[in-house]
C-alpha atoms as a PDB file:
ATOM      1  CA  MET A   1      76.462 115.515  87.651  1.00  0.00           C
ATOM      2  CA  PHE A   2      77.847 117.210  90.726  1.00  0.00           C
ATOM      3  CA  ASN A   3      79.121 120.734  90.266  1.00  0.00           C
ATOM      4  CA  TYR A   4      82.599 120.465  91.731  1.00  0.00           C
ATOM      5  CA  PRO A   5      85.051 123.349  91.259  1.00  0.00           C
ATOM      6  CA  ASN A   6      87.251 121.212  89.030  1.00  0.00           C
ATOM      7  CA  THR A   7      84.443 119.662  86.972  1.00  0.00           C
ATOM      8  CA  LEU A   8      85.823 119.214  83.495  1.00  0.00           C
ATOM      9  CA  VAL A   9      84.097 120.255  80.321  1.00  0.00           C
ATOM     10  CA  TYR A  10      84.979 118.274  77.211  1.00  0.00           C
ATOM     11  CA  GLY A  11      86.192 121.405  75.397  1.00  0.00           C
ATOM     12  CA  ASP A  12      88.622 122.227  78.232  1.00  0.00           C
ATOM     13  CA  VAL A  13      90.652 119.056  77.757  1.00  0.00           C
ATOM     14  CA  GLU A  14      93.742 119.345  75.594  1.00  0.00           C
ATOM     15  CA  LYS A  15      94.948 115.796  76.207  1.00  0.00           C
ATOM     16  CA  MET A  16      94.855 113.159  78.897  1.00  0.00           C
ATOM     17  CA  CYS A  17      96.613 109.969  79.847  1.00  0.00           C
ATOM     18  CA  THR A  18      96.406 107.291  82.499  1.00  0.00           C
ATOM     19  CA  VAL A  19      99.251 106.069  84.662  1.00  0.00           C
ATOM     20  CA  PRO A  20      98.841 102.716  86.442  1.00  0.00           C
ATOM     21  CA  CYS A  21      99.831 102.430  90.103  1.00  0.00           C
ATOM     22  CA  ASN A  22     103.240 100.807  90.439  1.00  0.00           C
ATOM     23  CA  ARG A  23     102.491  99.454  93.926  1.00  0.00           C
ATOM     24  CA  PRO A  24      99.282  98.764  95.913  1.00  0.00           C
ATOM     25  CA  THR A  25      97.695 102.213  96.290  1.00  0.00           C
ATOM     26  CA  PHE A  26      94.473 103.194  98.034  1.00  0.00           C
ATOM     27  CA  ILE A  27      92.205 106.188  98.551  1.00  0.00           C
ATOM     28  CA  LEU A  28      90.043 107.185 101.477  1.00  0.00           C
ATOM     29  CA  PRO A  29      86.893 108.669  99.852  1.00  0.00           C
ATOM     30  CA  LYS A  30      84.923 111.348 101.686  1.00  0.00           C
ATOM     31  CA  CYS A  31      81.904 109.054 102.054  1.00  0.00           C
ATOM     32  CA  GLY A  32      82.815 105.383 102.172  1.00  0.00           C
ATOM     33  CA  GLY A  33      85.520 102.943 103.051  1.00  0.00           C
ATOM     34  CA  VAL A  34      88.994 102.418 101.687  1.00  0.00           C
ATOM     35  CA  GLU A  35      89.137 101.828  97.927  1.00  0.00           C
ATOM     36  CA  ARG A  36      91.945 100.300  95.909  1.00  0.00           C
ATOM     37  CA  LEU A  37      93.205 102.317  92.959  1.00  0.00           C
ATOM     38  CA  ASP A  38      94.078 101.117  89.466  1.00  0.00           C
ATOM     39  CA  GLY A  39      95.974 104.271  88.596  1.00  0.00           C
ATOM     40  CA  PHE A  40      95.677 107.982  87.942  1.00  0.00           C
ATOM     41  CA  LEU A  41      94.121 110.068  85.197  1.00  0.00           C
ATOM     42  CA  ILE A  42      96.231 113.057  84.175  1.00  0.00           C
ATOM     43  CA  VAL A  43      94.277 115.775  82.394  1.00  0.00           C
ATOM     44  CA  TYR A  44      96.039 118.594  80.551  1.00  0.00           C
ATOM     45  CA  SER A  45      93.922 121.694  80.138  1.00  0.00           C
ATOM     46  CA  ARG A  46      94.015 125.476  79.910  1.00  0.00           C
ATOM     47  CA  LYS A  47      91.785 125.329  82.991  1.00  0.00           C
ATOM     48  CA  PHE A  48      94.785 124.373  85.136  1.00  0.00           C
ATOM     49  CA  GLN A  49      97.234 126.998  83.841  1.00  0.00           C
ATOM     50  CA  GLY A  50      97.276 128.631  87.288  1.00  0.00           C
ATOM     51  CA  TYR A  51      99.336 125.732  88.608  1.00  0.00           C
ATOM     52  CA  ASP A  52     103.049 125.341  87.968  1.00  0.00           C
ATOM     53  CA  GLU A  53     102.083 122.772  85.325  1.00  0.00           C
ATOM     54  CA  PRO A  54      98.895 122.819  83.225  1.00  0.00           C
ATOM     55  CA  PHE A  55      97.488 119.521  84.452  1.00  0.00           C
ATOM     56  CA  GLU A  56      95.462 117.922  87.220  1.00  0.00           C
ATOM     57  CA  THR A  57      95.660 114.336  88.452  1.00  0.00           C
ATOM     58  CA  TYR A  58      92.687 112.284  89.610  1.00  0.00           C
ATOM     59  CA  PRO A  59      92.630 108.849  91.279  1.00  0.00           C
ATOM     60  CA  ILE A  60      91.075 105.999  89.279  1.00  0.00           C
ATOM     61  CA  GLY A  61      89.247 103.408  91.375  1.00  0.00           C
ATOM     62  CA  GLU A  62      89.565  99.676  90.886  1.00  0.00           C
ATOM     63  CA  ARG A  63      86.463  99.513  88.680  1.00  0.00           C
ATOM     64  CA  GLY A  64      87.495 102.494  86.569  1.00  0.00           C
ATOM     65  CA  PHE A  65      85.597 105.131  88.557  1.00  0.00           C
ATOM     66  CA  ILE A  66      87.409 108.466  88.335  1.00  0.00           C
ATOM     67  CA  HIS A  67      87.387 110.495  91.545  1.00  0.00           C
ATOM     68  CA  TYR A  68      86.912 113.937  90.020  1.00  0.00           C
ATOM     69  CA  GLU A  69      85.826 115.265  93.423  1.00  0.00           C
ATOM     70  CA  ALA A  70      89.218 114.357  94.912  1.00  0.00           C
ATOM     71  CA  PRO A  71      92.015 115.812  92.779  1.00  0.00           C
ATOM     72  CA  CYS A  72      95.511 114.861  93.901  1.00  0.00           C
ATOM     73  CA  ARG A  73      97.206 118.200  93.293  1.00  0.00           C
ATOM     74  CA  ALA A  74      94.663 120.071  95.419  1.00  0.00           C
ATOM     75  CA  GLY A  75      95.492 117.760  98.313  1.00  0.00           C
ATOM     76  CA  GLU A  76      91.904 116.529  98.563  1.00  0.00           C
ATOM     77  CA  ALA A  77      92.670 112.945  97.624  1.00  0.00           C
ATOM     78  CA  LEU A  78      93.840 110.980 100.639  1.00  0.00           C
ATOM     79  CA  CYS A  79      95.956 108.513  98.656  1.00  0.00           C
ATOM     80  CA  PHE A  80      98.332 106.166 100.425  1.00  0.00           C
ATOM     81  CA  HIS A  81     100.407 103.062  99.735  1.00  0.00           C
ATOM     82  CA  SER A  82     100.350  99.675 101.381  1.00  0.00           C
ATOM     83  CA  PRO A  83     101.476  98.644 103.952  1.00  0.00           C
ATOM     84  CA  VAL A  84     100.086 100.822 106.756  1.00  0.00           C
ATOM     85  CA  SER A  85     101.173 100.350 110.376  1.00  0.00           C
ATOM     86  CA  ARG A  86      98.536 100.101 113.123  1.00  0.00           C
ATOM     87  CA  LYS A  87     100.763 102.526 115.051  1.00  0.00           C
ATOM     88  CA  ASP A  88     100.448 105.161 112.327  1.00  0.00           C
ATOM     89  CA  PRO A  89      97.935 107.911 113.260  1.00  0.00           C
ATOM     90  CA  PHE A  90      96.652 107.674 109.687  1.00  0.00           C
ATOM     91  CA  TYR A  91      95.585 104.070 110.396  1.00  0.00           C
ATOM     92  CA  LYS A  92      93.266 105.291 113.151  1.00  0.00           C
ATOM     93  CA  GLU A  93      91.781 107.850 110.759  1.00  0.00           C
ATOM     94  CA  ILE A  94      91.205 105.166 108.104  1.00  0.00           C
ATOM     95  CA  LEU A  95      89.663 102.835 110.688  1.00  0.00           C
ATOM     96  CA  GLN A  96      87.316 105.414 112.227  1.00  0.00           C
ATOM     97  CA  HIS A  97      86.237 106.679 108.814  1.00  0.00           C
ATOM     98  CA  SER A  98      85.500 103.140 107.612  1.00  0.00           C
ATOM     99  CA  LEU A  99      83.644 102.176 110.788  1.00  0.00           C
ATOM    100  CA  LYS A 100      81.450 105.251 110.337  1.00  0.00           C
ATOM    101  CA  TRP A 101      80.618 104.871 106.650  1.00  0.00           C
ATOM    102  CA  ILE A 102      80.735 101.121 106.106  1.00  0.00           C
ATOM    103  CA  GLU A 103      79.466 100.224 109.567  1.00  0.00           C
ATOM    104  CA  PHE A 104      81.801  97.321 110.233  1.00  0.00           C
ATOM    105  CA  ASP A 105      80.933  95.518 113.459  1.00  0.00           C
ATOM    106  CA  SER A 106      84.534  95.545 114.664  1.00  0.00           C
ATOM    107  CA  GLU A 107      88.114  96.386 113.816  1.00  0.00           C
ATOM    108  CA  GLU A 108      88.618  92.728 112.890  1.00  0.00           C
ATOM    109  CA  ASP A 109      85.934  93.061 110.179  1.00  0.00           C
ATOM    110  CA  PHE A 110      87.750  96.134 108.892  1.00  0.00           C
ATOM    111  CA  LEU A 111      91.082  94.283 108.843  1.00  0.00           C
ATOM    112  CA  LYS A 112      89.490  91.369 106.974  1.00  0.00           C
ATOM    113  CA  ASP A 113      88.126  93.776 104.354  1.00  0.00           C
ATOM    114  CA  CYS A 114      91.563  95.392 103.989  1.00  0.00           C
ATOM    115  CA  LYS A 115      93.188  91.997 103.476  1.00  0.00           C
ATOM    116  CA  GLU A 116      90.640  91.052 100.794  1.00  0.00           C
ATOM    117  CA  MET A 117      91.486  94.167  98.768  1.00  0.00           C
ATOM    118  CA  GLY A 118      95.245  93.825  99.256  1.00  0.00           C
ATOM    119  CA  LEU A 119      95.828  96.552 101.837  1.00  0.00           C
ATOM    120  CA  GLU A 120      98.443  95.211 104.227  1.00  0.00           C
ATOM    121  CA  ILE A 121      98.151  96.389 107.836  1.00  0.00           C
ATOM    122  CA  THR A 122     101.235  95.764 109.976  1.00  0.00           C
ATOM    123  CA  ASP A 123     101.583  95.840 113.785  1.00  0.00           C
END
């Protein structure tokens, strides 16, 4: 297991719950393309007492993978909702990141992949 600063130890956890996404929500992982989220894991722990609230929130990927390396409160998780405009500077960041890590042949391949996962890109 990776040794991230927020790696949780079983004994640290006081309680946890999951909250499903209420609209199409996506994450831009550090290494990889855009991933659709199922929801968020909220972990309550003494470990997070330094925050205003004693919890941390992590994105949950479509297949149940929890992105512990990208906590939402720390601002490391690049979560965003659909739709995304092609004029939005964030769209260019998503596109360039995906072309680098997934090695799409073109922007059209990227757009096709987005459509298949339910990420709407507008003009």
